[in-house]
Amino acid sequence: MKTCQTCIPCIMKLFTSTLEKVTLPQDQKADFMVRFEAYLKEVDMSLPPARSVGMIYQQVLQETGLKDLFEAQKTRGVQEALLLYPRLKGIVDRSSDKLEAALRVSALGNILDAGNPNSYDLEEEIGRLFAAPLSGGSLDLFKDSLDNSPALLYLADNAGETVFDRVLIETLDLPVRYAVKSAPALDDALLEDARKAGLEELTGLLETGTSYPGTYLPSCSPEFQEIFRDADLILAKGQANYETLSDVNRDLFFLLKIKCEVIGDDIGLPVGSLTLKFHSG
């Protein structure tokens, strides 16, 4: 998926709001944004937005000597999600279709994304979990794929979302490999986040070898590229994974909450949809 002009102000808003939350001298914040905006003006619009923003973020961090701006946000996201875990698990356990309920829970976790341009009330969102159908028309195909696959490669998204993913993974009756980033990539999950969420006991944790949001395969390690290529079944979480994998030449499933019109228009569904979408490569 290519970057469009609509993505640019959204990216700027993400970093402006993030810098407002971190404790840094004002001159350092200003220097970061001047450098970031300069690189953003030269962005290659033919690349996925997640790849472009990740590359610029890493470049500016290196130039300024700053560390992970999202570290505190990721830690807080996992902690808050763990407090919700018993409630989310109970929702699934009481459901007649536990897999569908768990998919909804996992997709809802995608709302915690730092790049979400929309305000939200998580309690209200949980209360509306079953208010609309699970979009994408791929639930039956996903169930069949689970029944006929020896294992699942699960591509993680943001840190707080890992707890919501745990609820889904606990409903699955097959081995799961859970892939996270190898270095800070905005608010994407790292190994420590997945461990805090309790996923080390449930899955085989692995790293993609990249520090870009999503899964931009040319930037991933050769080892991960081989794992991706050979995987029988892949579930890719979140908008950044959609941005970076929507043109990939292999079958996989996307699971996300649509948070912007650009993604919604590309998928063909309205903003706010909890979506499980099959991609045929």
C-alpha atoms as a PDB file:
ATOM      1  CA  MET A   1       0.000   0.000   0.000  1.00  0.00           C
ATOM      2  CA  LYS A   2       1.402   3.392  -1.004  1.00  0.00           C
ATOM      3  CA  THR A   3       1.576   6.529   1.114  1.00  0.00           C
ATOM      4  CA  CYS A   4      -0.984   9.182   0.193  1.00  0.00           C
ATOM      5  CA  GLN A   5      -1.154  12.899   0.981  1.00  0.00           C
ATOM      6  CA  THR A   6      -3.816  12.220   3.615  1.00  0.00           C
ATOM      7  CA  CYS A   7      -1.229  10.237   5.609  1.00  0.00           C
ATOM      8  CA  ILE A   8       1.145  13.185   6.095  1.00  0.00           C
ATOM      9  CA  PRO A   9      -0.868  15.321   8.565  1.00  0.00           C
ATOM     10  CA  CYS A  10      -1.820  12.155  10.450  1.00  0.00           C
ATOM     11  CA  ILE A  11       1.854  11.239  10.866  1.00  0.00           C
ATOM     12  CA  MET A  12       2.668  14.766  12.040  1.00  0.00           C
ATOM     13  CA  LYS A  13      -0.163  14.652  14.563  1.00  0.00           C
ATOM     14  CA  LEU A  14       1.137  11.351  15.953  1.00  0.00           C
ATOM     15  CA  PHE A  15       4.569  12.732  16.746  1.00  0.00           C
ATOM     16  CA  THR A  16       3.348  16.119  17.938  1.00  0.00           C
ATOM     17  CA  SER A  17       1.032  14.458  20.458  1.00  0.00           C
ATOM     18  CA  THR A  18       3.711  11.945  21.483  1.00  0.00           C
ATOM     19  CA  LEU A  19       6.277  14.653  22.185  1.00  0.00           C
ATOM     20  CA  GLU A  20       3.743  16.481  24.344  1.00  0.00           C
ATOM     21  CA  LYS A  21       3.616  13.423  26.627  1.00  0.00           C
ATOM     22  CA  VAL A  22       7.352  12.812  27.072  1.00  0.00           C
ATOM     23  CA  THR A  23       9.649  14.597  29.520  1.00  0.00           C
ATOM     24  CA  LEU A  24      12.232  16.375  27.392  1.00  0.00           C
ATOM     25  CA  PRO A  25      13.581  19.931  27.226  1.00  0.00           C
ATOM     26  CA  GLN A  26      11.550  22.036  24.835  1.00  0.00           C
ATOM     27  CA  ASP A  27      14.544  22.671  22.579  1.00  0.00           C
ATOM     28  CA  GLN A  28      15.048  18.919  22.109  1.00  0.00           C
ATOM     29  CA  LYS A  29      11.400  18.464  21.208  1.00  0.00           C
ATOM     30  CA  ALA A  30      11.614  21.307  18.713  1.00  0.00           C
ATOM     31  CA  ASP A  31      14.807  19.907  17.186  1.00  0.00           C
ATOM     32  CA  PHE A  32      13.188  16.489  16.795  1.00  0.00           C
ATOM     33  CA  MET A  33      10.156  17.915  14.996  1.00  0.00           C
ATOM     34  CA  VAL A  34      12.215  20.150  12.692  1.00  0.00           C
ATOM     35  CA  ARG A  35      14.284  17.162  11.585  1.00  0.00           C
ATOM     36  CA  PHE A  36      11.268  14.872  11.349  1.00  0.00           C
ATOM     37  CA  GLU A  37       9.258  17.316   9.254  1.00  0.00           C
ATOM     38  CA  ALA A  38      12.196  17.906   6.909  1.00  0.00           C
ATOM     39  CA  TYR A  39      12.522  14.181   6.212  1.00  0.00           C
ATOM     40  CA  LEU A  40       8.764  13.821   5.859  1.00  0.00           C
ATOM     41  CA  LYS A  41       8.719  16.390   3.045  1.00  0.00           C
ATOM     42  CA  GLU A  42      11.065  14.120   1.084  1.00  0.00           C
ATOM     43  CA  VAL A  43       9.185  10.888   1.773  1.00  0.00           C
ATOM     44  CA  ASP A  44       8.897   8.330  -1.024  1.00  0.00           C
ATOM     45  CA  MET A  45       5.143   8.171  -1.640  1.00  0.00           C
ATOM     46  CA  SER A  46       5.510   4.815  -3.416  1.00  0.00           C
ATOM     47  CA  LEU A  47       6.378   3.120  -0.109  1.00  0.00           C
ATOM     48  CA  PRO A  48       3.944   2.034   2.622  1.00  0.00           C
ATOM     49  CA  PRO A  49       3.374   4.812   5.186  1.00  0.00           C
ATOM     50  CA  ALA A  50       4.422   2.537   8.052  1.00  0.00           C
ATOM     51  CA  ARG A  51       7.772   1.874   6.410  1.00  0.00           C
ATOM     52  CA  SER A  52       8.375   5.567   5.693  1.00  0.00           C
ATOM     53  CA  VAL A  53       7.513   6.784   9.178  1.00  0.00           C
ATOM     54  CA  GLY A  54       9.604   4.031  10.765  1.00  0.00           C
ATOM     55  CA  MET A  55      12.638   4.904   8.673  1.00  0.00           C
ATOM     56  CA  ILE A  56      12.344   8.625   9.477  1.00  0.00           C
ATOM     57  CA  TYR A  57      11.817   7.925  13.182  1.00  0.00           C
ATOM     58  CA  GLN A  58      14.972   5.799  13.398  1.00  0.00           C
ATOM     59  CA  GLN A  59      16.988   8.372  11.469  1.00  0.00           C
ATOM     60  CA  VAL A  60      15.954  11.255  13.724  1.00  0.00           C
ATOM     61  CA  LEU A  61      16.540   9.215  16.900  1.00  0.00           C
ATOM     62  CA  GLN A  62      20.055   8.464  15.682  1.00  0.00           C
ATOM     63  CA  GLU A  63      20.759  12.106  14.811  1.00  0.00           C
ATOM     64  CA  THR A  64      19.415  13.538  18.070  1.00  0.00           C
ATOM     65  CA  GLY A  65      20.629  10.827  20.435  1.00  0.00           C
ATOM     66  CA  LEU A  66      17.138  10.426  21.860  1.00  0.00           C
ATOM     67  CA  LYS A  67      15.851   7.042  23.002  1.00  0.00           C
ATOM     68  CA  ASP A  68      12.513   5.345  22.468  1.00  0.00           C
ATOM     69  CA  LEU A  69       9.876   8.089  22.746  1.00  0.00           C
ATOM     70  CA  PHE A  70       7.115   5.504  23.143  1.00  0.00           C
ATOM     71  CA  GLU A  71       8.688   3.433  25.947  1.00  0.00           C
ATOM     72  CA  ALA A  72       6.514   4.753  28.781  1.00  0.00           C
ATOM     73  CA  GLN A  73       3.405   4.575  26.623  1.00  0.00           C
ATOM     74  CA  LYS A  74       4.092   0.928  25.771  1.00  0.00           C
ATOM     75  CA  THR A  75       4.680  -0.011  29.403  1.00  0.00           C
ATOM     76  CA  ARG A  76       1.492   1.731  30.469  1.00  0.00           C
ATOM     77  CA  GLY A  77      -0.456   0.114  27.628  1.00  0.00           C
ATOM     78  CA  VAL A  78       0.512  -3.417  28.700  1.00  0.00           C
ATOM     79  CA  GLN A  79      -0.204  -2.678  32.369  1.00  0.00           C
ATOM     80  CA  GLU A  80      -3.656  -1.257  31.628  1.00  0.00           C
ATOM     81  CA  ALA A  81      -4.490  -4.135  29.289  1.00  0.00           C
ATOM     82  CA  LEU A  82      -3.507  -6.708  31.932  1.00  0.00           C
ATOM     83  CA  LEU A  83      -6.042  -5.144  34.297  1.00  0.00           C
ATOM     84  CA  LEU A  84      -8.697  -5.773  31.644  1.00  0.00           C
ATOM     85  CA  TYR A  85      -7.573  -9.340  30.924  1.00  0.00           C
ATOM     86  CA  PRO A  86      -9.935 -11.155  33.350  1.00  0.00           C
ATOM     87  CA  ARG A  87     -12.902  -9.259  31.937  1.00  0.00           C
ATOM     88  CA  LEU A  88     -11.915  -9.903  28.321  1.00  0.00           C
ATOM     89  CA  LYS A  89     -11.278 -13.577  29.053  1.00  0.00           C
ATOM     90  CA  GLY A  90     -14.688 -13.828  30.708  1.00  0.00           C
ATOM     91  CA  ILE A  91     -16.395 -12.365  27.644  1.00  0.00           C
ATOM     92  CA  VAL A  92     -14.870 -15.084  25.482  1.00  0.00           C
ATOM     93  CA  ASP A  93     -15.553 -17.904  27.953  1.00  0.00           C
ATOM     94  CA  ARG A  94     -19.259 -16.973  28.088  1.00  0.00           C
ATOM     95  CA  SER A  95     -19.643 -16.791  24.304  1.00  0.00           C
ATOM     96  CA  SER A  96     -21.262 -19.521  22.234  1.00  0.00           C
ATOM     97  CA  ASP A  97     -18.653 -18.966  19.500  1.00  0.00           C
ATOM     98  CA  LYS A  98     -15.455 -18.507  21.471  1.00  0.00           C
ATOM     99  CA  LEU A  99     -13.226 -18.080  18.430  1.00  0.00           C
ATOM    100  CA  GLU A 100     -15.312 -15.285  16.951  1.00  0.00           C
ATOM    101  CA  ALA A 101     -15.525 -13.558  20.332  1.00  0.00           C
ATOM    102  CA  ALA A 102     -11.758 -13.828  20.786  1.00  0.00           C
ATOM    103  CA  LEU A 103     -11.161 -12.434  17.301  1.00  0.00           C
ATOM    104  CA  ARG A 104     -13.338  -9.463  18.207  1.00  0.00           C
ATOM    105  CA  VAL A 105     -11.415  -8.929  21.439  1.00  0.00           C
ATOM    106  CA  SER A 106      -8.087  -9.105  19.638  1.00  0.00           C
ATOM    107  CA  ALA A 107      -9.242  -6.719  16.909  1.00  0.00           C
ATOM    108  CA  LEU A 108     -10.551  -4.310  19.537  1.00  0.00           C
ATOM    109  CA  GLY A 109      -7.084  -4.169  21.087  1.00  0.00           C
ATOM    110  CA  ASN A 110      -5.943  -2.514  17.879  1.00  0.00           C
ATOM    111  CA  ILE A 111      -7.670   0.662  19.107  1.00  0.00           C
ATOM    112  CA  LEU A 112      -4.800   1.226  21.565  1.00  0.00           C
ATOM    113  CA  ASP A 113      -2.507   2.222  18.689  1.00  0.00           C
ATOM    114  CA  ALA A 114      -0.581   5.471  19.300  1.00  0.00           C
ATOM    115  CA  GLY A 115      -1.342   6.373  15.700  1.00  0.00           C
ATOM    116  CA  ASN A 116      -5.091   6.171  16.195  1.00  0.00           C
ATOM    117  CA  PRO A 117      -6.428   9.523  14.916  1.00  0.00           C
ATOM    118  CA  ASN A 118      -9.731   9.071  16.745  1.00  0.00           C
ATOM    119  CA  SER A 119     -10.586   9.632  20.397  1.00  0.00           C
ATOM    120  CA  TYR A 120     -12.230   6.674  22.124  1.00  0.00           C
ATOM    121  CA  ASP A 121     -13.569   5.369  25.415  1.00  0.00           C
ATOM    122  CA  LEU A 122     -12.264   1.823  25.886  1.00  0.00           C
ATOM    123  CA  GLU A 123     -15.058   0.907  28.305  1.00  0.00           C
ATOM    124  CA  GLU A 124     -17.654   1.965  25.734  1.00  0.00           C
ATOM    125  CA  GLU A 125     -15.818   0.071  23.006  1.00  0.00           C
ATOM    126  CA  ILE A 126     -15.849  -3.116  25.090  1.00  0.00           C
ATOM    127  CA  GLY A 127     -19.558  -2.612  25.717  1.00  0.00           C
ATOM    128  CA  ARG A 128     -20.153  -2.415  21.958  1.00  0.00           C
ATOM    129  CA  LEU A 129     -18.007  -5.448  21.164  1.00  0.00           C
ATOM    130  CA  PHE A 130     -20.921  -7.391  19.637  1.00  0.00           C
ATOM    131  CA  ALA A 131     -22.904  -4.404  18.338  1.00  0.00           C
ATOM    132  CA  ALA A 132     -21.986  -5.102  14.706  1.00  0.00           C
ATOM    133  CA  PRO A 133     -20.913  -8.158  12.704  1.00  0.00           C
ATOM    134  CA  LEU A 134     -17.243  -9.050  12.438  1.00  0.00           C
ATOM    135  CA  SER A 135     -16.485  -7.484   9.055  1.00  0.00           C
ATOM    136  CA  GLY A 136     -14.481  -8.897   6.185  1.00  0.00           C
ATOM    137  CA  GLY A 137     -16.473 -12.022   5.356  1.00  0.00           C
ATOM    138  CA  SER A 138     -13.556 -14.309   6.213  1.00  0.00           C
ATOM    139  CA  LEU A 139     -14.531 -15.958   9.498  1.00  0.00           C
ATOM    140  CA  ASP A 140     -15.521 -19.347   8.066  1.00  0.00           C
ATOM    141  CA  LEU A 141     -12.416 -19.467   5.891  1.00  0.00           C
ATOM    142  CA  PHE A 142     -10.240 -18.644   8.894  1.00  0.00           C
ATOM    143  CA  LYS A 143     -11.860 -21.423  10.910  1.00  0.00           C
ATOM    144  CA  ASP A 144     -11.227 -23.887   8.080  1.00  0.00           C
ATOM    145  CA  SER A 145      -7.632 -22.701   7.793  1.00  0.00           C
ATOM    146  CA  LEU A 146      -7.067 -23.248  11.508  1.00  0.00           C
ATOM    147  CA  ASP A 147      -8.442 -26.775  11.219  1.00  0.00           C
ATOM    148  CA  ASN A 148      -6.139 -27.586   8.311  1.00  0.00           C
ATOM    149  CA  SER A 149      -2.897 -25.882   9.351  1.00  0.00           C
ATOM    150  CA  PRO A 150      -0.204 -27.340  11.625  1.00  0.00           C
ATOM    151  CA  ALA A 151       0.775 -23.943  13.065  1.00  0.00           C
ATOM    152  CA  LEU A 152       0.052 -20.210  12.968  1.00  0.00           C
ATOM    153  CA  LEU A 153       2.457 -17.321  12.470  1.00  0.00           C
ATOM    154  CA  TYR A 154       0.976 -14.362  14.350  1.00  0.00           C
ATOM    155  CA  LEU A 155       2.367 -10.916  13.446  1.00  0.00           C
ATOM    156  CA  ALA A 156       2.043  -8.604  16.445  1.00  0.00           C
ATOM    157  CA  ASP A 157       1.156  -4.924  16.397  1.00  0.00           C
ATOM    158  CA  ASN A 158       1.250  -2.501  19.340  1.00  0.00           C
ATOM    159  CA  ALA A 159       2.439  -3.300  22.860  1.00  0.00           C
ATOM    160  CA  GLY A 160      -0.854  -2.999  24.750  1.00  0.00           C
ATOM    161  CA  GLU A 161      -2.518  -5.117  22.111  1.00  0.00           C
ATOM    162  CA  THR A 162      -0.429  -8.136  23.114  1.00  0.00           C
ATOM    163  CA  VAL A 163      -2.769  -8.818  26.046  1.00  0.00           C
ATOM    164  CA  PHE A 164      -5.784  -8.781  23.717  1.00  0.00           C
ATOM    165  CA  ASP A 165      -3.878 -11.140  21.414  1.00  0.00           C
ATOM    166  CA  ARG A 166      -3.292 -13.450  24.370  1.00  0.00           C
ATOM    167  CA  VAL A 167      -7.060 -13.851  24.759  1.00  0.00           C
ATOM    168  CA  LEU A 168      -7.289 -15.017  21.146  1.00  0.00           C
ATOM    169  CA  ILE A 169      -4.230 -17.264  21.295  1.00  0.00           C
ATOM    170  CA  GLU A 170      -5.630 -19.050  24.354  1.00  0.00           C
ATOM    171  CA  THR A 171      -8.637 -20.146  22.271  1.00  0.00           C
ATOM    172  CA  LEU A 172      -6.524 -21.665  19.494  1.00  0.00           C
ATOM    173  CA  ASP A 173      -5.775 -25.367  19.322  1.00  0.00           C
ATOM    174  CA  LEU A 174      -2.515 -25.225  17.373  1.00  0.00           C
ATOM    175  CA  PRO A 175       1.061 -24.026  17.960  1.00  0.00           C
ATOM    176  CA  VAL A 176       1.555 -20.272  17.545  1.00  0.00           C
ATOM    177  CA  ARG A 177       4.713 -18.340  16.736  1.00  0.00           C
ATOM    178  CA  TYR A 178       4.357 -14.695  17.789  1.00  0.00           C
ATOM    179  CA  ALA A 179       6.520 -12.198  15.902  1.00  0.00           C
ATOM    180  CA  VAL A 180       7.531  -8.852  17.426  1.00  0.00           C
ATOM    181  CA  LYS A 181       9.946  -6.091  16.433  1.00  0.00           C
ATOM    182  CA  SER A 182      13.666  -6.307  17.166  1.00  0.00           C
ATOM    183  CA  ALA A 183      14.084  -2.644  18.172  1.00  0.00           C
ATOM    184  CA  PRO A 184      11.760   0.262  19.028  1.00  0.00           C
ATOM    185  CA  ALA A 185       9.276   0.821  16.201  1.00  0.00           C
ATOM    186  CA  LEU A 186       6.893   3.509  17.472  1.00  0.00           C
ATOM    187  CA  ASP A 187       4.573   1.705  19.924  1.00  0.00           C
ATOM    188  CA  ASP A 188       4.944  -1.747  18.350  1.00  0.00           C
ATOM    189  CA  ALA A 189       5.529  -4.680  20.684  1.00  0.00           C
ATOM    190  CA  LEU A 190       9.021  -5.857  21.584  1.00  0.00           C
ATOM    191  CA  LEU A 191       9.999  -9.142  23.250  1.00  0.00           C
ATOM    192  CA  GLU A 192       9.727  -7.608  26.725  1.00  0.00           C
ATOM    193  CA  ASP A 193       6.163  -6.462  26.017  1.00  0.00           C
ATOM    194  CA  ALA A 194       5.106  -9.914  24.833  1.00  0.00           C
ATOM    195  CA  ARG A 195       6.676 -11.474  27.920  1.00  0.00           C
ATOM    196  CA  LYS A 196       4.893  -9.049  30.251  1.00  0.00           C
ATOM    197  CA  ALA A 197       1.624  -9.967  28.528  1.00  0.00           C
ATOM    198  CA  GLY A 198       2.190 -13.651  29.344  1.00  0.00           C
ATOM    199  CA  LEU A 199       2.831 -14.782  25.786  1.00  0.00           C
ATOM    200  CA  GLU A 200       6.175 -16.485  26.380  1.00  0.00           C
ATOM    201  CA  GLU A 201       4.378 -19.393  28.058  1.00  0.00           C
ATOM    202  CA  LEU A 202       1.816 -19.659  25.244  1.00  0.00           C
ATOM    203  CA  THR A 203       3.787 -19.110  22.055  1.00  0.00           C
ATOM    204  CA  GLY A 204       7.150 -19.359  20.418  1.00  0.00           C
ATOM    205  CA  LEU A 205       8.346 -15.759  20.497  1.00  0.00           C
ATOM    206  CA  LEU A 206      10.485 -14.499  17.636  1.00  0.00           C
ATOM    207  CA  GLU A 207      11.685 -11.205  16.191  1.00  0.00           C
ATOM    208  CA  THR A 208      11.217  -9.855  12.691  1.00  0.00           C
ATOM    209  CA  GLY A 209      14.705  -8.360  12.581  1.00  0.00           C
ATOM    210  CA  THR A 210      13.419  -4.852  11.866  1.00  0.00           C
ATOM    211  CA  SER A 211      12.618  -1.628  13.704  1.00  0.00           C
ATOM    212  CA  TYR A 212       9.915  -0.472  11.301  1.00  0.00           C
ATOM    213  CA  PRO A 213       6.191  -0.645  12.122  1.00  0.00           C
ATOM    214  CA  GLY A 214       4.266  -3.358  10.334  1.00  0.00           C
ATOM    215  CA  THR A 215       6.112  -6.093   8.464  1.00  0.00           C
ATOM    216  CA  TYR A 216       8.050  -4.555   5.599  1.00  0.00           C
ATOM    217  CA  LEU A 217       9.680  -7.731   4.341  1.00  0.00           C
ATOM    218  CA  PRO A 218      12.718  -6.190   2.556  1.00  0.00           C
ATOM    219  CA  SER A 219      13.785  -4.792   5.944  1.00  0.00           C
ATOM    220  CA  CYS A 220      13.230  -8.016   7.891  1.00  0.00           C
ATOM    221  CA  SER A 221      16.007 -10.472   8.683  1.00  0.00           C
ATOM    222  CA  PRO A 222      16.683 -13.332   6.237  1.00  0.00           C
ATOM    223  CA  GLU A 223      15.699 -15.763   8.993  1.00  0.00           C
ATOM    224  CA  PHE A 224      12.318 -14.126   9.455  1.00  0.00           C
ATOM    225  CA  GLN A 225      11.733 -13.845   5.712  1.00  0.00           C
ATOM    226  CA  GLU A 226      12.208 -17.607   5.477  1.00  0.00           C
ATOM    227  CA  ILE A 227       9.788 -18.200   8.367  1.00  0.00           C
ATOM    228  CA  PHE A 228       7.243 -15.919   6.703  1.00  0.00           C
ATOM    229  CA  ARG A 229       7.630 -17.632   3.342  1.00  0.00           C
ATOM    230  CA  ASP A 230       7.282 -21.131   4.787  1.00  0.00           C
ATOM    231  CA  ALA A 231       4.421 -20.415   7.219  1.00  0.00           C
ATOM    232  CA  ASP A 232       1.283 -22.460   6.607  1.00  0.00           C
ATOM    233  CA  LEU A 233      -1.040 -19.822   8.065  1.00  0.00           C
ATOM    234  CA  ILE A 234      -0.438 -16.144   8.898  1.00  0.00           C
ATOM    235  CA  LEU A 235      -2.529 -13.714  10.931  1.00  0.00           C
ATOM    236  CA  ALA A 236      -1.310 -10.108  10.647  1.00  0.00           C
ATOM    237  CA  LYS A 237      -2.564  -7.646  13.253  1.00  0.00           C
ATOM    238  CA  GLY A 238      -3.230  -3.951  12.818  1.00  0.00           C
ATOM    239  CA  GLN A 239      -3.121  -1.219  10.225  1.00  0.00           C
ATOM    240  CA  ALA A 240       0.675  -1.069   9.864  1.00  0.00           C
ATOM    241  CA  ASN A 241       0.762  -4.749   8.931  1.00  0.00           C
ATOM    242  CA  TYR A 242      -2.017  -4.095   6.432  1.00  0.00           C
ATOM    243  CA  GLU A 243      -0.072  -1.170   4.959  1.00  0.00           C
ATOM    244  CA  THR A 244       3.093  -3.223   4.526  1.00  0.00           C
ATOM    245  CA  LEU A 245       1.588  -6.580   3.497  1.00  0.00           C
ATOM    246  CA  SER A 246      -1.555  -5.766   1.489  1.00  0.00           C
ATOM    247  CA  ASP A 247       0.387  -6.253  -1.762  1.00  0.00           C
ATOM    248  CA  VAL A 248       2.385  -9.307  -0.691  1.00  0.00           C
ATOM    249  CA  ASN A 249       2.279 -12.344  -2.950  1.00  0.00           C
ATOM    250  CA  ARG A 250       0.974 -14.948  -0.524  1.00  0.00           C
ATOM    251  CA  ASP A 251      -2.229 -15.866   1.304  1.00  0.00           C
ATOM    252  CA  LEU A 252      -2.769 -14.452   4.791  1.00  0.00           C
ATOM    253  CA  PHE A 253      -5.410 -12.971   7.082  1.00  0.00           C
ATOM    254  CA  PHE A 254      -5.542  -9.414   8.407  1.00  0.00           C
ATOM    255  CA  LEU A 255      -7.166  -8.675  11.761  1.00  0.00           C
ATOM    256  CA  LEU A 256      -7.670  -5.040  12.725  1.00  0.00           C
ATOM    257  CA  LYS A 257      -9.978  -2.241  13.740  1.00  0.00           C
ATOM    258  CA  ILE A 258     -10.185   0.217  10.858  1.00  0.00           C
ATOM    259  CA  LYS A 259      -9.156   3.605  12.232  1.00  0.00           C
ATOM    260  CA  CYS A 260      -8.767   5.820   9.166  1.00  0.00           C
ATOM    261  CA  GLU A 261     -10.527   6.422   5.866  1.00  0.00           C
ATOM    262  CA  VAL A 262      -7.450   5.574   3.799  1.00  0.00           C
ATOM    263  CA  ILE A 263      -7.380   2.013   5.145  1.00  0.00           C
ATOM    264  CA  GLY A 264     -11.177   1.780   5.096  1.00  0.00           C
ATOM    265  CA  ASP A 265     -11.349   2.816   1.453  1.00  0.00           C
ATOM    266  CA  ASP A 266      -8.619   0.346   0.505  1.00  0.00           C
ATOM    267  CA  ILE A 267     -10.371  -2.543   2.257  1.00  0.00           C
ATOM    268  CA  GLY A 268     -13.849  -1.341   1.314  1.00  0.00           C
ATOM    269  CA  LEU A 269     -15.244  -1.044   4.849  1.00  0.00           C
ATOM    270  CA  PRO A 270     -16.178   1.907   7.093  1.00  0.00           C
ATOM    271  CA  VAL A 271     -14.000   3.374   9.827  1.00  0.00           C
ATOM    272  CA  GLY A 272     -14.635   1.612  13.130  1.00  0.00           C
ATOM    273  CA  SER A 273     -15.132  -1.866  11.648  1.00  0.00           C
ATOM    274  CA  LEU A 274     -13.663  -4.833  13.522  1.00  0.00           C
ATOM    275  CA  THR A 275     -12.283  -6.695  10.548  1.00  0.00           C
ATOM    276  CA  LEU A 276     -10.970 -10.152   9.690  1.00  0.00           C
ATOM    277  CA  LYS A 277      -9.981 -10.028   6.027  1.00  0.00           C
ATOM    278  CA  PHE A 278      -8.481 -12.763   3.867  1.00  0.00           C
ATOM    279  CA  HIS A 279      -5.807 -11.656   1.409  1.00  0.00           C
ATOM    280  CA  SER A 280      -5.144 -13.907  -1.562  1.00  0.00           C
ATOM    281  CA  GLY A 281      -1.590 -13.619  -2.809  1.00  0.00           C
END
